Amino acid sequence: MKTLVLDACCGSKMLWFDNDNPLTLFNDVRSLDTTLCDGRPLVIKPDTQEDFRNLSFADGVFKMVLFDPPHLNKVGDGAWMALKYGKLNDDWKSDLTKGFSECFRVLEDGGVLVFKWNEVQIKTKEVIQCSPYQPMFGHISGKRADTHWILFFKNSAMSKSASKHSEAA
């Protein structure tokens, strides 16, 4: 079966109903098999182990990309939250800008990018500025409404550079 979906930062695949979805290529920069401080196992076992800022896949090979990058930048390296969700570098804007760029590069024209972000430390509005495309719509969820699900559609009409050109006209 052909791989149609890329999960660019799969972590322990918490979002998935089927952790072995045959249509999906699960990618993460980490591979880990450990036990968290509360005794729960944490297994991060991606199909490919690559950095979302520099993916080796060809241009336009996926119909859908899920981009759920680490959302914490103020957490200790060994903290359970860092282990479970990953940790952003101090230069998170550059990292997320590169990540969005790579995710859109490997996404086919007319493809969908699903973006998940928890804004407990960095506001969603700031993160969206890192994307070369305008978001189409989204949904806020969670007990404190900190988690944002946002859908992007890769189309020239949604490109931020196209929007700037049309505004100038």
Protein backbone atom coordinates (compact mmCIF):
# COMPACT_ATOMS: atom_id res chain seq x y z
CA MET A 1 0.00 0.00 0.00
CA LYS A 2 1.26 3.46 -0.88
CA THR A 3 2.24 5.85 1.90
CA LEU A 4 0.03 8.93 1.57
CA VAL A 5 0.39 10.61 4.96
CA LEU A 6 3.44 11.85 6.84
CA ASP A 7 3.38 12.35 10.59
CA ALA A 8 6.46 14.58 10.76
CA CYS A 9 6.84 14.46 14.58
CA CYS A 10 5.00 11.30 15.63
CA GLY A 11 6.42 10.96 19.14
CA SER A 12 4.62 8.08 20.85
CA LYS A 13 1.73 8.30 18.34
CA MET A 14 -0.76 9.51 20.96
CA LEU A 15 -3.07 11.02 18.32
CA TRP A 16 -3.56 7.88 16.31
CA PHE A 17 -6.36 5.34 16.54
CA ASP A 18 -4.07 2.88 14.71
CA ASN A 19 -0.37 3.29 15.60
CA ASP A 20 0.49 1.16 12.57
CA ASN A 21 -1.76 2.96 10.07
CA PRO A 22 -0.74 1.51 6.68
CA LEU A 23 -1.24 4.84 4.85
CA THR A 24 1.10 6.72 7.19
CA LEU A 25 4.84 7.14 7.50
CA PHE A 26 5.64 7.88 11.13
CA ASN A 27 8.70 10.10 11.55
CA ASP A 28 10.44 11.55 14.58
CA VAL A 29 13.92 12.79 15.39
CA ARG A 30 13.97 10.52 18.45
CA SER A 31 13.75 6.85 19.21
CA LEU A 32 13.11 6.04 22.86
CA ASP A 33 11.93 3.22 25.09
CA THR A 34 11.74 4.27 28.74
CA THR A 35 9.51 4.54 31.78
CA LEU A 36 8.18 7.89 32.96
CA CYS A 37 8.43 8.95 36.62
CA ASP A 38 4.86 7.77 37.27
CA GLY A 39 5.62 4.28 35.96
CA ARG A 40 3.97 4.65 32.53
CA PRO A 41 5.96 3.26 29.60
CA LEU A 42 7.00 5.72 26.88
CA VAL A 43 7.88 4.23 23.51
CA ILE A 44 8.86 6.40 20.55
CA LYS A 45 9.48 4.11 17.61
CA PRO A 46 9.18 5.95 14.28
CA ASP A 47 9.42 4.35 10.84
CA THR A 48 12.04 6.96 9.94
CA GLN A 49 14.21 9.00 12.26
CA GLU A 50 14.67 12.46 10.76
CA ASP A 51 14.60 16.05 11.91
CA PHE A 52 11.42 17.84 10.80
CA ARG A 53 13.59 20.84 9.86
CA ASN A 54 15.47 18.83 7.22
CA LEU A 55 13.47 15.95 5.74
CA SER A 56 15.00 13.68 3.08
CA PHE A 57 11.73 13.01 1.23
CA ALA A 58 11.19 14.24 -2.31
CA ASP A 59 9.05 17.30 -3.02
CA GLY A 60 5.27 16.82 -3.11
CA VAL A 61 5.12 13.10 -2.21
CA PHE A 62 2.45 13.21 0.52
CA LYS A 63 -1.25 14.03 0.27
CA MET A 64 -1.45 14.92 3.95
CA VAL A 65 1.09 15.96 6.56
CA LEU A 66 0.50 16.04 10.29
CA PHE A 67 2.77 18.58 12.00
CA ASP A 68 2.61 18.32 15.80
CA PRO A 69 6.03 19.65 16.84
CA PRO A 70 7.26 20.00 20.40
CA HIS A 71 5.55 23.00 22.00
CA LEU A 72 7.70 23.47 25.09
CA ASN A 73 10.85 25.57 25.23
CA LYS A 74 11.02 26.09 29.00
CA VAL A 75 11.38 22.60 30.42
CA GLY A 76 14.32 20.58 31.71
CA ASP A 77 15.85 18.13 29.27
CA GLY A 78 15.15 15.15 31.57
CA ALA A 79 11.65 16.25 32.66
CA TRP A 80 8.82 13.83 31.84
CA MET A 81 7.15 16.52 29.69
CA ALA A 82 10.35 16.88 27.61
CA LEU A 83 10.62 13.11 27.26
CA LYS A 84 6.97 12.71 26.26
CA TYR A 85 6.51 15.74 24.00
CA GLY A 86 10.03 16.79 23.03
CA LYS A 87 11.55 20.21 23.51
CA LEU A 88 12.09 23.19 21.22
CA ASN A 89 15.46 24.88 20.94
CA ASP A 90 15.92 28.45 22.15
CA ASP A 91 15.60 29.58 18.52
CA TRP A 92 12.11 28.08 18.23
CA LYS A 93 10.94 30.58 15.58
CA SER A 94 13.67 29.49 13.20
CA ASP A 95 13.05 25.82 13.98
CA LEU A 96 9.30 26.08 13.36
CA THR A 97 9.80 28.20 10.23
CA LYS A 98 12.09 25.47 8.83
CA GLY A 99 9.63 22.80 9.97
CA PHE A 100 6.65 24.40 8.24
CA SER A 101 8.75 24.93 5.12
CA GLU A 102 9.81 21.27 5.02
CA CYS A 103 6.28 19.99 5.72
CA PHE A 104 4.85 22.09 2.89
CA ARG A 105 7.73 21.10 0.57
CA VAL A 106 6.95 17.37 0.90
CA LEU A 107 3.18 18.01 0.66
CA GLU A 108 1.67 17.82 -2.81
CA ASP A 109 -0.11 20.84 -4.31
CA GLY A 110 -3.70 20.61 -3.15
CA GLY A 111 -2.61 18.64 -0.09
CA VAL A 112 -3.66 19.22 3.50
CA LEU A 113 -1.40 20.04 6.44
CA VAL A 114 -2.94 19.41 9.85
CA PHE A 115 -1.17 21.37 12.56
CA LYS A 116 -1.57 20.82 16.29
CA TRP A 117 -0.22 23.28 18.83
CA ASN A 118 -0.52 23.70 22.59
CA GLU A 119 0.06 27.32 23.53
CA VAL A 120 0.87 26.84 27.19
CA GLN A 121 4.26 28.57 26.62
CA ILE A 122 4.17 30.10 23.12
CA LYS A 123 1.03 31.67 21.64
CA THR A 124 -0.48 30.09 18.53
CA LYS A 125 -0.60 33.51 16.85
CA GLU A 126 3.21 33.71 17.04
CA VAL A 127 3.67 30.19 15.69
CA ILE A 128 1.33 30.71 12.72
CA GLN A 129 3.63 33.53 11.60
CA CYS A 130 6.27 30.84 10.93
CA SER A 131 4.14 29.24 8.19
CA PRO A 132 4.46 30.25 4.52
CA TYR A 133 0.73 29.56 4.07
CA GLN A 134 -2.37 31.08 5.64
CA PRO A 135 -4.41 28.71 7.80
CA MET A 136 -7.91 27.92 6.51
CA PHE A 137 -9.65 27.05 9.77
CA GLY A 138 -9.08 25.57 13.18
CA HIS A 139 -10.53 24.49 16.47
CA ILE A 140 -9.55 25.17 20.06
CA SER A 141 -9.78 22.26 22.49
CA GLY A 142 -8.66 21.04 25.87
CA LYS A 143 -9.77 21.86 29.40
CA ARG A 144 -8.17 25.29 29.30
CA ALA A 145 -8.57 25.79 25.53
CA ASP A 146 -4.78 25.72 25.09
CA THR A 147 -4.66 23.19 22.26
CA HIS A 148 -5.29 24.40 18.72
CA TRP A 149 -6.02 22.20 15.71
CA ILE A 150 -5.42 24.11 12.48
CA LEU A 151 -5.86 23.04 8.87
CA PHE A 152 -3.78 24.43 6.02
CA PHE A 153 -4.46 23.78 2.33
CA LYS A 154 -1.41 23.93 0.03
CA ASN A 155 -2.59 26.12 -2.78
CA SER A 156 -1.08 29.27 -4.28
CA ALA A 157 -4.17 31.24 -3.19
CA MET A 158 -3.32 30.40 0.43
CA SER A 159 0.37 31.30 0.13
CA LYS A 160 1.35 34.27 2.26
CA SER A 161 3.54 35.56 -0.59
CA ALA A 162 0.51 35.44 -2.94
CA SER A 163 -1.56 37.32 -0.36
CA LYS A 164 1.05 40.07 -0.15
CA HIS A 165 1.09 40.38 -3.95
CA SER A 166 -2.70 40.63 -4.16
CA GLU A 167 -2.80 43.22 -1.36
CA ALA A 168 -0.28 45.37 -3.25
CA ALA A 169 -2.30 45.23 -6.48
